[in-house]
N, C-alpha and C. Protein backbone atom coordinates (compact mmCIF):
# COMPACT_ATOMS: atom_id res chain seq x y z
N MET A 1 82.84 -11.01 11.06
CA MET A 1 81.03 -11.12 10.97
C MET A 1 80.40 -10.04 11.85
N ASN A 2 79.36 -9.19 11.28
CA ASN A 2 78.87 -8.47 11.50
C ASN A 2 78.37 -8.50 12.71
N TYR A 3 77.17 -7.55 13.41
CA TYR A 3 76.64 -7.97 14.45
C TYR A 3 75.26 -9.36 14.58
N LEU A 4 74.61 -8.78 13.56
CA LEU A 4 73.67 -10.10 13.05
C LEU A 4 74.34 -11.37 13.32
N ALA A 5 75.05 -11.75 12.04
CA ALA A 5 75.86 -12.86 12.25
C ALA A 5 76.42 -13.49 13.71
N HIS A 6 76.75 -12.59 14.49
CA HIS A 6 76.96 -13.04 15.86
C HIS A 6 75.60 -12.92 16.63
N LEU A 7 75.08 -12.46 16.46
CA LEU A 7 73.47 -12.47 17.13
C LEU A 7 72.96 -13.78 16.57
N PHE A 8 72.84 -14.65 15.41
CA PHE A 8 72.37 -15.37 15.15
C PHE A 8 73.44 -16.29 16.42
N LEU A 9 74.68 -16.41 16.01
CA LEU A 9 75.16 -17.58 16.48
C LEU A 9 75.29 -17.49 18.13
N ALA A 10 74.85 -16.67 19.02
CA ALA A 10 74.37 -16.76 20.27
C ALA A 10 73.90 -17.72 20.26
N LYS A 11 73.65 -17.69 21.99
CA LYS A 11 72.47 -18.56 22.61
C LYS A 11 71.14 -17.10 22.77
N ALA A 12 70.35 -17.85 22.78
CA ALA A 12 68.86 -17.01 23.08
C ALA A 12 68.85 -16.52 24.88
N THR A 13 69.95 -15.64 25.41
CA THR A 13 70.16 -14.85 26.72
C THR A 13 70.41 -13.45 26.56
N GLU A 14 70.26 -12.82 27.75
CA GLU A 14 70.60 -11.73 27.32
C GLU A 14 72.11 -11.19 27.90
N ASP A 15 72.81 -12.36 27.70
CA ASP A 15 74.28 -12.22 28.71
C ASP A 15 75.41 -12.97 27.61
N SER A 16 74.39 -13.94 26.61
CA SER A 16 74.99 -14.15 25.53
C SER A 16 75.12 -13.19 24.60
N HIS A 17 74.09 -12.27 23.79
CA HIS A 17 73.65 -11.63 22.97
C HIS A 17 74.82 -10.29 23.35
N PHE A 18 75.20 -9.88 24.95
CA PHE A 18 75.78 -8.69 25.19
C PHE A 18 77.62 -9.48 25.19
N GLY A 19 77.43 -10.63 25.66
CA GLY A 19 78.85 -11.41 25.28
C GLY A 19 79.34 -11.42 23.50
N ASN A 20 78.33 -11.77 22.58
CA ASN A 20 78.60 -11.99 21.59
C ASN A 20 79.23 -10.78 20.91
N LEU A 21 78.41 -9.74 21.19
CA LEU A 21 78.71 -8.26 20.68
C LEU A 21 79.89 -7.35 21.19
N LEU A 22 80.12 -8.15 22.62
CA LEU A 22 81.22 -7.22 22.93
C LEU A 22 82.64 -7.17 22.65
N GLY A 23 82.38 -8.10 21.95
CA GLY A 23 84.05 -8.46 21.02
C GLY A 23 84.30 -7.44 20.35
N ASP A 24 83.45 -6.61 19.82
CA ASP A 24 83.78 -5.29 18.95
C ASP A 24 84.02 -4.14 19.49
N PHE A 25 83.95 -3.91 21.06
CA PHE A 25 84.21 -2.91 22.07
C PHE A 25 84.56 -3.44 23.23
N ARG A 26 85.82 -4.12 22.88
CA ARG A 26 86.80 -4.80 24.24
C ARG A 26 87.65 -3.84 24.17
N ARG A 27 88.02 -2.81 23.42
CA ARG A 27 89.51 -2.23 23.46
C ARG A 27 88.97 -1.35 24.32
N GLY A 28 90.24 -1.39 25.70
CA GLY A 28 90.49 -0.64 26.94
C GLY A 28 89.46 -1.22 27.60
N VAL A 29 88.62 -1.83 27.58
CA VAL A 29 87.74 -2.37 28.51
C VAL A 29 87.97 -3.88 29.34
N ASP A 30 87.86 -3.91 30.65
CA ASP A 30 88.35 -4.76 31.52
C ASP A 30 87.57 -5.69 31.60
N THR A 31 87.31 -6.98 30.59
CA THR A 31 86.11 -7.56 30.36
C THR A 31 85.92 -8.99 31.47
N SER A 32 86.60 -8.76 32.42
CA SER A 32 86.81 -9.73 33.32
C SER A 32 85.60 -9.58 34.95
N GLN A 33 85.23 -8.00 34.99
CA GLN A 33 84.05 -7.32 35.28
C GLN A 33 82.87 -8.42 34.39
N PHE A 34 82.38 -8.64 33.98
CA PHE A 34 81.49 -9.21 33.47
C PHE A 34 80.97 -10.38 33.82
N SER A 35 79.85 -11.26 34.06
CA SER A 35 80.00 -12.53 34.76
C SER A 35 80.17 -13.16 33.16
N GLU A 36 80.26 -14.55 34.09
CA GLU A 36 81.39 -15.53 33.25
C GLU A 36 80.22 -15.82 32.30
N ALA A 37 78.63 -15.63 32.32
CA ALA A 37 77.74 -16.06 30.51
C ALA A 37 78.43 -14.84 29.69
N VAL A 38 78.54 -14.09 30.04
CA VAL A 38 79.03 -12.54 29.48
C VAL A 38 80.09 -13.14 28.78
N GLN A 39 81.81 -13.40 29.32
CA GLN A 39 82.51 -13.88 28.79
C GLN A 39 82.88 -15.34 27.42
N ARG A 40 81.74 -16.35 28.29
CA ARG A 40 81.50 -16.98 27.48
C ARG A 40 81.19 -16.82 25.88
N GLY A 41 80.18 -15.60 26.24
CA GLY A 41 79.86 -14.60 24.97
C GLY A 41 81.10 -14.75 24.24
N LEU A 42 81.92 -13.53 24.53
CA LEU A 42 82.97 -12.87 24.30
C LEU A 42 83.73 -14.20 23.35
N ALA A 43 84.15 -15.01 24.39
CA ALA A 43 84.62 -16.29 23.89
C ALA A 43 84.67 -16.86 22.48
N ASN A 44 82.83 -16.80 22.57
CA ASN A 44 82.21 -17.06 20.94
C ASN A 44 82.17 -16.64 19.95
N HIS A 45 82.47 -14.98 20.53
CA HIS A 45 83.04 -14.10 19.27
C HIS A 45 84.15 -13.86 18.71
N TYR A 46 84.89 -14.47 19.43
CA TYR A 46 86.24 -14.51 19.12
C TYR A 46 86.49 -16.24 18.12
N GLU A 47 85.90 -16.88 18.87
CA GLU A 47 85.76 -18.33 17.69
C GLU A 47 85.15 -18.13 16.53
N VAL A 48 83.97 -17.88 16.88
CA VAL A 48 83.93 -17.25 15.18
C VAL A 48 84.41 -16.71 14.20
N ASP A 49 85.21 -15.28 14.80
CA ASP A 49 85.84 -15.05 13.99
C ASP A 49 87.28 -15.64 13.66
N ARG A 50 87.50 -16.36 14.28
CA ARG A 50 88.98 -16.76 13.99
C ARG A 50 88.26 -18.02 12.83
N PHE A 51 87.57 -18.73 13.19
CA PHE A 51 87.08 -20.05 11.72
C PHE A 51 86.53 -19.02 10.77
N THR A 52 86.25 -18.03 11.19
CA THR A 52 85.97 -16.65 9.48
C THR A 52 87.33 -16.39 9.26
N ASP A 53 88.25 -15.97 9.53
CA ASP A 53 89.21 -15.37 8.85
C ASP A 53 90.09 -16.40 8.37
N THR A 54 89.73 -17.42 8.98
CA THR A 54 90.81 -19.23 8.22
C THR A 54 89.92 -19.81 7.22
N HIS A 55 88.77 -19.14 6.96
CA HIS A 55 88.22 -20.01 6.36
C HIS A 55 88.38 -20.09 4.70
N GLN A 56 88.26 -20.60 3.85
CA GLN A 56 88.86 -20.58 2.21
C GLN A 56 88.16 -19.90 1.50
N SER A 57 86.52 -20.03 1.64
CA SER A 57 85.76 -19.89 1.13
C SER A 57 85.97 -18.04 1.33
N VAL A 58 86.15 -17.74 2.82
CA VAL A 58 86.28 -16.10 2.72
C VAL A 58 87.57 -15.68 2.51
N VAL A 59 88.91 -16.79 2.55
CA VAL A 59 89.83 -16.08 1.99
C VAL A 59 89.58 -15.80 0.56
N ASN A 60 88.49 -16.36 -0.34
CA ASN A 60 88.58 -15.98 -1.95
C ASN A 60 88.07 -15.07 -2.24
N ALA A 61 86.98 -14.89 -1.19
CA ALA A 61 86.22 -13.56 -1.46
C ALA A 61 87.34 -12.40 -1.34
N LYS A 62 87.87 -12.58 -0.13
CA LYS A 62 88.96 -11.11 0.05
C LYS A 62 89.42 -10.56 -1.27
N GLY A 63 90.16 -12.13 -1.73
CA GLY A 63 90.78 -11.77 -3.36
C GLY A 63 90.14 -11.18 -4.35
N LEU A 64 88.61 -11.08 -4.19
CA LEU A 64 88.01 -10.32 -5.39
C LEU A 64 87.90 -8.76 -5.13
N PHE A 65 88.40 -8.35 -3.84
CA PHE A 65 88.79 -6.47 -4.24
C PHE A 65 90.07 -6.38 -5.18
N GLU A 66 89.82 -5.32 -5.35
CA GLU A 66 91.09 -4.43 -5.69
C GLU A 66 92.14 -4.29 -5.09
N PRO A 67 93.19 -4.39 -5.00
CA PRO A 67 94.55 -4.81 -3.91
C PRO A 67 94.57 -3.50 -3.26
N SER A 68 94.24 -1.83 -3.59
CA SER A 68 94.33 -1.13 -3.02
C SER A 68 93.28 -0.89 -1.77
N ARG A 69 92.42 -2.29 -2.23
CA ARG A 69 91.31 -1.77 -1.30
C ARG A 69 90.93 -2.91 -0.05
N ARG A 70 92.07 -3.85 -0.73
CA ARG A 70 92.08 -5.42 -0.06
C ARG A 70 92.05 -5.51 1.64
N ARG A 71 92.42 -4.01 1.91
CA ARG A 71 92.97 -4.28 3.67
C ARG A 71 91.44 -3.51 3.93
N PHE A 72 90.36 -4.02 3.76
CA PHE A 72 89.24 -3.63 3.82
C PHE A 72 88.32 -4.38 4.00
N ALA A 73 88.58 -5.44 3.21
CA ALA A 73 87.79 -6.45 2.56
C ALA A 73 87.52 -7.16 3.60
N PRO A 74 88.00 -7.70 4.23
CA PRO A 74 87.01 -7.98 5.82
C PRO A 74 86.21 -7.66 6.20
N VAL A 75 86.23 -5.92 6.75
CA VAL A 75 85.02 -5.46 6.91
C VAL A 75 83.80 -5.02 6.15
N ALA A 76 84.00 -4.83 4.66
CA ALA A 76 83.14 -5.19 3.81
C ALA A 76 82.16 -6.38 3.53
N LEU A 77 82.80 -7.41 3.63
CA LEU A 77 82.51 -8.48 3.77
C LEU A 77 82.00 -8.90 5.05
N ASP A 78 81.83 -8.32 6.35
CA ASP A 78 81.29 -8.28 6.98
C ASP A 78 79.96 -8.21 7.06
N ILE A 79 79.96 -6.76 6.57
CA ILE A 79 78.82 -6.34 6.87
C ILE A 79 78.07 -6.91 5.60
N TYR A 80 78.57 -7.54 4.12
CA TYR A 80 77.57 -7.83 2.95
C TYR A 80 76.92 -9.14 3.21
N PHE A 81 77.73 -9.79 4.54
CA PHE A 81 77.42 -11.51 4.65
C PHE A 81 76.29 -10.99 4.96
N ASP A 82 76.36 -10.18 6.48
CA ASP A 82 74.56 -9.95 6.96
C ASP A 82 74.08 -9.83 6.02
N HIS A 83 74.07 -9.02 5.03
CA HIS A 83 72.97 -8.86 4.28
C HIS A 83 72.69 -10.33 3.43
N LEU A 84 73.50 -11.19 3.33
CA LEU A 84 73.32 -12.48 2.41
C LEU A 84 72.66 -12.92 3.50
N LEU A 85 73.17 -13.40 5.19
CA LEU A 85 72.54 -14.05 6.08
C LEU A 85 70.83 -13.69 6.26
N ILE A 86 70.67 -12.79 5.84
CA ILE A 86 69.28 -12.23 5.58
C ILE A 86 68.16 -12.40 4.39
N LYS A 87 68.83 -12.23 3.27
CA LYS A 87 68.64 -12.93 2.20
C LYS A 87 68.04 -14.34 2.27
N HIS A 88 69.28 -14.80 2.93
CA HIS A 88 69.11 -16.66 2.72
C HIS A 88 68.28 -17.26 4.15
N TRP A 89 67.54 -16.00 5.07
CA TRP A 89 67.13 -16.24 6.37
C TRP A 89 66.52 -17.68 6.38
N ALA A 90 66.01 -17.95 5.59
CA ALA A 90 64.83 -19.46 5.90
C ALA A 90 65.39 -20.54 5.73
N VAL A 91 66.94 -20.30 4.88
CA VAL A 91 67.69 -21.58 4.95
C VAL A 91 68.39 -21.97 6.44
N PHE A 92 68.75 -21.36 6.86
CA PHE A 92 69.18 -21.49 7.99
C PHE A 92 68.73 -20.84 9.72
N CYS A 93 67.23 -20.25 9.29
CA CYS A 93 66.73 -20.52 10.67
C CYS A 93 64.98 -20.23 10.15
N ASP A 94 64.38 -20.83 11.69
CA ASP A 94 62.83 -21.13 10.88
C ASP A 94 61.88 -20.16 11.60
N GLU A 95 62.70 -19.44 12.60
CA GLU A 95 61.83 -18.28 13.62
C GLU A 95 62.33 -17.17 12.22
N PRO A 96 60.59 -16.87 12.00
CA PRO A 96 60.57 -15.50 10.88
C PRO A 96 61.71 -14.23 11.48
N PHE A 97 62.43 -13.41 10.28
CA PHE A 97 63.28 -12.92 11.07
C PHE A 97 63.31 -11.55 11.47
N ASP A 98 61.50 -10.74 11.43
CA ASP A 98 61.33 -9.59 11.95
C ASP A 98 61.17 -10.32 13.52
N SER A 99 60.62 -11.33 13.94
CA SER A 99 60.73 -11.70 15.47
C SER A 99 62.04 -12.17 15.63
N PHE A 100 63.14 -12.94 14.74
CA PHE A 100 64.12 -12.40 15.74
C PHE A 100 64.62 -11.72 15.74
N THR A 101 64.67 -10.49 14.94
CA THR A 101 65.05 -8.71 15.48
C THR A 101 64.65 -8.47 16.42
N GLN A 102 63.61 -8.56 16.54
CA GLN A 102 62.56 -8.33 17.86
C GLN A 102 63.17 -8.75 18.95
N ARG A 103 63.29 -10.21 19.13
CA ARG A 103 64.00 -10.77 20.14
C ARG A 103 64.92 -9.99 20.81
N SER A 104 66.13 -10.18 19.37
CA SER A 104 67.32 -9.65 19.58
C SER A 104 67.69 -8.49 20.30
N PHE A 105 66.90 -7.73 20.29
CA PHE A 105 66.98 -6.15 20.29
C PHE A 105 66.28 -6.08 21.44
N THR A 106 65.64 -6.93 22.27
CA THR A 106 65.05 -7.01 23.85
C THR A 106 65.78 -7.47 24.29
N LEU A 107 66.76 -8.35 24.28
CA LEU A 107 67.72 -9.13 24.79
C LEU A 107 68.70 -8.11 24.89
N LEU A 108 68.86 -7.20 24.41
CA LEU A 108 70.35 -6.37 24.06
C LEU A 108 69.66 -5.32 25.10
N GLU A 109 68.23 -4.78 24.81
CA GLU A 109 68.02 -3.62 25.32
C GLU A 109 68.13 -3.76 27.19
N ARG A 110 68.06 -5.12 27.75
CA ARG A 110 67.79 -5.38 29.21
C ARG A 110 69.47 -5.58 29.78
N ARG A 111 70.49 -5.41 28.67
CA ARG A 111 72.00 -5.12 28.79
C ARG A 111 72.49 -4.22 28.67
N LEU A 112 71.83 -3.15 28.19
CA LEU A 112 72.40 -1.93 27.57
C LEU A 112 72.96 -0.95 28.75
N SER A 113 72.58 -1.24 29.94
CA SER A 113 73.18 -0.04 31.01
C SER A 113 74.24 -1.06 31.56
N GLN A 114 74.21 -2.28 31.50
CA GLN A 114 75.94 -2.73 31.69
C GLN A 114 76.74 -2.88 30.65
N MET A 115 76.35 -1.98 29.52
CA MET A 115 77.67 -2.26 28.43
C MET A 115 78.78 -1.25 28.79
N PRO A 116 80.06 -1.16 28.03
CA PRO A 116 80.60 0.16 28.08
C PRO A 116 79.94 0.76 26.92
N ARG A 117 80.42 2.26 27.56
CA ARG A 117 79.81 3.33 26.83
C ARG A 117 79.53 3.37 24.97
N ALA A 118 80.88 3.49 24.86
CA ALA A 118 80.79 3.37 23.08
C ALA A 118 80.15 2.24 22.88
N MET A 119 79.67 1.10 23.71
CA MET A 119 78.82 -0.01 22.60
C MET A 119 77.40 0.37 23.32
N GLN A 120 77.20 0.82 24.21
CA GLN A 120 76.15 1.46 24.39
C GLN A 120 75.19 2.70 23.50
N HIS A 121 76.15 3.26 22.87
CA HIS A 121 76.25 4.28 21.98
C HIS A 121 75.32 3.56 20.69
N SER A 122 76.23 2.68 20.05
CA SER A 122 76.43 1.63 18.88
C SER A 122 74.95 1.03 18.89
N ILE A 123 75.04 0.06 20.14
CA ILE A 123 74.28 -0.65 19.86
C ILE A 123 72.78 -0.02 20.07
N GLY A 124 72.63 1.21 20.73
CA GLY A 124 71.28 1.70 21.34
C GLY A 124 70.79 2.25 19.68
N HIS A 125 72.12 2.93 19.25
CA HIS A 125 71.58 3.43 17.71
C HIS A 125 71.09 2.28 16.75
N MET A 126 71.71 1.22 17.11
CA MET A 126 71.35 0.07 15.67
C MET A 126 69.91 -0.86 16.23
N ILE A 127 69.42 -0.88 17.32
CA ILE A 127 68.16 -0.50 17.98
C ILE A 127 67.24 0.33 17.26
N THR A 128 66.90 1.62 18.00
CA THR A 128 66.43 2.75 17.45
C THR A 128 66.36 2.59 16.35
N HIS A 129 67.01 2.79 14.99
CA HIS A 129 67.19 2.64 13.85
C HIS A 129 67.11 1.27 13.10
N ASN A 130 67.31 -0.18 13.73
CA ASN A 130 67.10 -0.90 13.15
C ASN A 130 68.10 -0.99 12.15
N TRP A 131 69.63 -1.08 11.85
CA TRP A 131 70.17 -1.09 11.19
C TRP A 131 69.57 -2.57 10.44
N PHE A 132 68.99 -3.29 10.97
CA PHE A 132 69.05 -5.01 10.09
C PHE A 132 68.17 -4.30 8.71
N GLU A 133 67.31 -3.55 8.87
CA GLU A 133 66.26 -3.32 7.75
C GLU A 133 67.30 -2.60 6.65
N ASP A 134 68.17 -1.82 6.54
CA ASP A 134 69.17 -1.34 5.76
C ASP A 134 69.92 -2.35 5.17
N TYR A 135 70.37 -3.73 6.23
CA TYR A 135 71.13 -4.38 5.77
C TYR A 135 70.37 -5.73 4.48
N ALA A 136 69.24 -5.42 4.70
CA ALA A 136 68.23 -6.68 3.97
C ALA A 136 68.36 -6.13 2.23
N THR A 137 68.90 -4.34 2.06
CA THR A 137 68.99 -4.37 0.67
C THR A 137 70.40 -3.67 0.14
N GLU A 138 70.74 -4.14 -1.00
CA GLU A 138 71.88 -3.65 -1.15
C GLU A 138 71.84 -2.22 -1.27
N ASP A 139 71.45 -1.24 -1.48
CA ASP A 139 71.36 0.16 -1.34
C ASP A 139 71.38 0.23 0.18
N GLY A 140 71.41 -0.47 1.48
CA GLY A 140 71.32 0.18 2.86
C GLY A 140 73.04 -0.52 2.84
N ILE A 141 73.40 -1.71 1.90
CA ILE A 141 74.55 -1.58 2.49
C ILE A 141 75.58 -0.83 1.51
N ALA A 142 75.32 -0.02 0.62
CA ALA A 142 76.19 1.07 0.05
C ALA A 142 76.18 1.91 1.55
N LYS A 143 75.12 2.12 1.96
CA LYS A 143 74.79 2.96 3.13
C LYS A 143 75.64 2.96 4.42
N ALA A 144 76.06 1.53 4.68
CA ALA A 144 76.57 0.76 5.90
C ALA A 144 78.29 1.26 5.74
N ILE A 145 78.28 0.86 4.64
CA ILE A 145 79.88 1.03 3.88
C ILE A 145 80.08 2.41 4.12
N THR A 146 79.44 3.40 3.20
CA THR A 146 79.86 4.74 3.18
C THR A 146 80.08 5.09 4.84
N VAL A 147 79.01 4.77 5.65
CA VAL A 147 79.42 5.62 6.95
C VAL A 147 80.63 5.35 7.89
N VAL A 148 80.96 3.56 7.33
CA VAL A 148 82.03 3.62 7.62
C VAL A 148 83.25 4.42 7.31
N SER A 149 83.15 4.17 6.06
CA SER A 149 84.03 4.86 5.47
C SER A 149 84.39 6.11 6.08
N LYS A 150 83.61 7.05 6.19
CA LYS A 150 83.34 8.03 7.10
C LYS A 150 84.25 8.33 8.66
N ARG A 151 84.08 7.17 8.92
CA ARG A 151 84.61 7.17 10.40
C ARG A 151 85.97 6.77 10.74
N ILE A 152 86.64 6.32 9.49
CA ILE A 152 88.24 5.97 9.22
C ILE A 152 88.78 7.26 9.45
N ARG A 153 89.98 7.10 10.11
CA ARG A 153 90.58 8.59 10.98
C ARG A 153 91.57 8.89 9.67
N PHE A 154 91.38 8.02 8.48
CA PHE A 154 92.60 8.74 7.70
C PHE A 154 91.74 8.26 5.99
N LYS A 155 92.75 9.47 5.18
CA LYS A 155 92.09 9.45 3.67
C LYS A 155 91.78 7.87 3.05
N ASN A 156 90.60 7.07 2.90
CA ASN A 156 90.39 5.95 2.36
C ASN A 156 89.26 6.19 0.77
N THR A 157 89.54 4.92 0.65
CA THR A 157 88.85 4.40 -0.40
C THR A 157 88.08 3.66 0.07
N PHE A 158 87.52 3.21 0.89
CA PHE A 158 87.15 2.11 1.43
C PHE A 158 85.42 2.22 0.84
N TYR A 159 84.47 3.69 0.47
CA TYR A 159 83.44 3.31 0.49
C TYR A 159 83.34 2.61 -1.15
N ARG A 160 84.35 2.33 -2.17
CA ARG A 160 84.43 1.70 -3.50
C ARG A 160 84.69 0.84 -2.88
N ALA A 161 84.61 -0.06 -1.87
CA ALA A 161 84.46 -1.31 -1.39
C ALA A 161 82.99 -1.64 -2.21
N VAL A 162 82.02 -0.98 -2.34
CA VAL A 162 80.72 -1.37 -2.97
C VAL A 162 80.93 -1.61 -4.56
N ASP A 163 81.77 -1.16 -4.96
CA ASP A 163 81.83 -1.23 -6.13
C ASP A 163 82.90 -2.64 -6.61
N ASP A 164 83.56 -3.43 -5.66
CA ASP A 164 84.06 -4.11 -6.09
C ASP A 164 82.82 -5.72 -5.84
N ILE A 165 82.15 -5.04 -4.88
CA ILE A 165 80.74 -6.14 -4.39
C ILE A 165 80.32 -6.50 -5.54
N ASP A 166 79.80 -5.49 -6.21
CA ASP A 166 78.78 -5.22 -7.38
C ASP A 166 79.45 -6.16 -8.43
N VAL A 167 80.43 -5.75 -8.76
CA VAL A 167 80.83 -6.61 -10.07
C VAL A 167 80.95 -8.13 -9.53
N ASN A 168 81.57 -8.90 -8.24
CA ASN A 168 81.88 -9.62 -7.84
C ASN A 168 80.71 -10.21 -6.89
N ARG A 169 79.55 -10.55 -6.99
CA ARG A 169 78.21 -10.10 -6.28
C ARG A 169 78.05 -11.91 -6.06
N ASN A 170 77.60 -12.43 -7.24
CA ASN A 170 77.21 -13.90 -7.31
C ASN A 170 78.11 -14.85 -6.83
N ILE A 171 79.89 -14.09 -6.93
CA ILE A 171 80.81 -15.02 -6.85
C ILE A 171 80.52 -14.83 -5.31
N ILE A 172 80.58 -13.93 -4.30
CA ILE A 172 80.43 -13.53 -3.21
C ILE A 172 79.66 -14.48 -2.31
N GLU A 173 78.68 -14.09 -3.06
CA GLU A 173 77.50 -14.84 -2.48
C GLU A 173 77.48 -16.34 -2.49
N GLN A 174 78.20 -17.17 -3.82
CA GLN A 174 78.22 -18.74 -3.68
C GLN A 174 79.29 -18.70 -2.63
N GLU A 175 80.52 -18.30 -2.40
CA GLU A 175 81.29 -18.15 -1.30
C GLU A 175 80.76 -18.26 0.30
N PHE A 176 79.72 -17.43 0.16
CA PHE A 176 79.19 -17.47 1.46
C PHE A 176 78.05 -18.28 1.59
N LEU A 177 77.97 -19.08 0.54
CA LEU A 177 77.04 -19.79 0.69
C LEU A 177 77.59 -21.64 1.22
N GLU A 178 78.80 -21.42 0.63
CA GLU A 178 80.10 -22.90 0.82
C GLU A 178 80.06 -22.31 2.22
N PHE A 179 80.30 -21.13 2.91
CA PHE A 179 81.40 -20.77 4.25
C PHE A 179 80.02 -20.95 5.45
N PHE A 180 79.20 -19.92 5.10
CA PHE A 180 78.24 -20.00 6.72
C PHE A 180 77.33 -21.30 7.25
N PRO A 181 77.16 -22.11 6.31
CA PRO A 181 77.02 -23.72 7.11
C PRO A 181 77.63 -24.49 7.88
N GLU A 182 78.73 -24.34 7.34
CA GLU A 182 80.09 -24.49 7.85
C GLU A 182 80.00 -23.86 8.99
N LEU A 183 80.34 -22.85 9.00
CA LEU A 183 80.50 -21.78 10.38
C LEU A 183 79.23 -21.86 11.06
N HIS A 184 78.40 -22.31 10.86
CA HIS A 184 76.88 -22.52 11.54
C HIS A 184 77.43 -23.63 12.36
N ARG A 185 77.70 -24.74 11.41
CA ARG A 185 77.50 -26.08 12.09
C ARG A 185 78.91 -26.23 13.50
N HIS A 186 79.83 -25.37 13.15
CA HIS A 186 81.40 -25.67 13.82
C HIS A 186 80.63 -24.50 15.12
N VAL A 187 79.98 -23.96 15.36
CA VAL A 187 79.30 -23.56 16.39
C VAL A 187 78.62 -24.23 17.22
N ARG A 188 77.92 -25.05 16.03
CA ARG A 188 76.29 -25.77 17.31
C ARG A 188 77.62 -26.85 17.95
N LEU A 189 78.77 -27.32 17.54
CA LEU A 189 79.64 -28.18 17.80
C LEU A 189 80.59 -27.68 18.82
N HIS A 190 81.34 -26.55 18.99
CA HIS A 190 82.41 -26.34 19.21
C HIS A 190 82.55 -24.50 19.94
N SER A 191 80.96 -24.13 20.17
CA SER A 191 80.92 -22.72 20.73
C SER A 191 81.13 -22.73 22.40
N PRO A 192 81.85 -21.84 22.72
CA PRO A 192 82.69 -22.27 24.44
C PRO A 192 81.24 -21.53 25.13
N GLU A 193 80.17 -22.04 24.33
CA GLU A 193 79.00 -21.47 25.26
C GLU A 193 78.01 -22.88 25.59
N ASN A 194 78.66 -23.71 24.91
CA ASN A 194 78.15 -25.11 24.97
C ASN A 194 77.93 -25.19 26.31
N ASN A 195 77.06 -26.20 26.02
CA ASN A 195 77.06 -27.12 27.91
C ASN A 195 76.82 -26.78 29.17
N THR A 196 76.63 -25.01 29.20
CA THR A 196 76.67 -24.16 30.22
C THR A 196 74.49 -24.25 30.84
N SER A 197 74.72 -23.84 31.38
CA SER A 197 73.53 -23.41 32.36
C SER A 197 72.99 -22.52 31.19
N PRO A 198 71.51 -22.08 31.44
CA PRO A 198 71.45 -20.55 30.56
C PRO A 198 71.72 -19.48 31.74
N SER A 199 72.23 -17.98 31.02
CA SER A 199 72.17 -17.21 31.66
C SER A 199 71.56 -15.67 31.09
């Protein structure tokens, strides 16, 4: 899952938000230096990714991409699923989306100084430019996928994943609506962050 989904599935604390996004920046980082609460958030990130990668609806959605681009399907779906989460926000959350975004950004800002440098840069940029505004639109998703494509260090056609999404948009949305409620339920019941005191 991408940043928004991981934040949605985190606890409403600074350390949980930090830990739940740390999973995308853990390479070369000694995570044992962080608090137990941050490490539980990181463990939740891993659990979310494990459940997502093995869910049949996600497997089905990956299969909709052209074979030459299928290696990039997980990344494209992560981004597009954030778009679909915004589109169906009221189904999953009573808190207004703008309010959630502001609260989450505030929690992350309080931990910016403790984040690994690459994470500081990306999360700081996400907050300053409010990436979630882009994720809310189809054009914004195309922009996000193009940006990722340019960051890949070898020649690729990842940017054309937008075409696969466009052709299969309705099916991908149906798969998401099958998958995400089950992920949400799984995290509520089995999150490594459950039964712990707030941090």
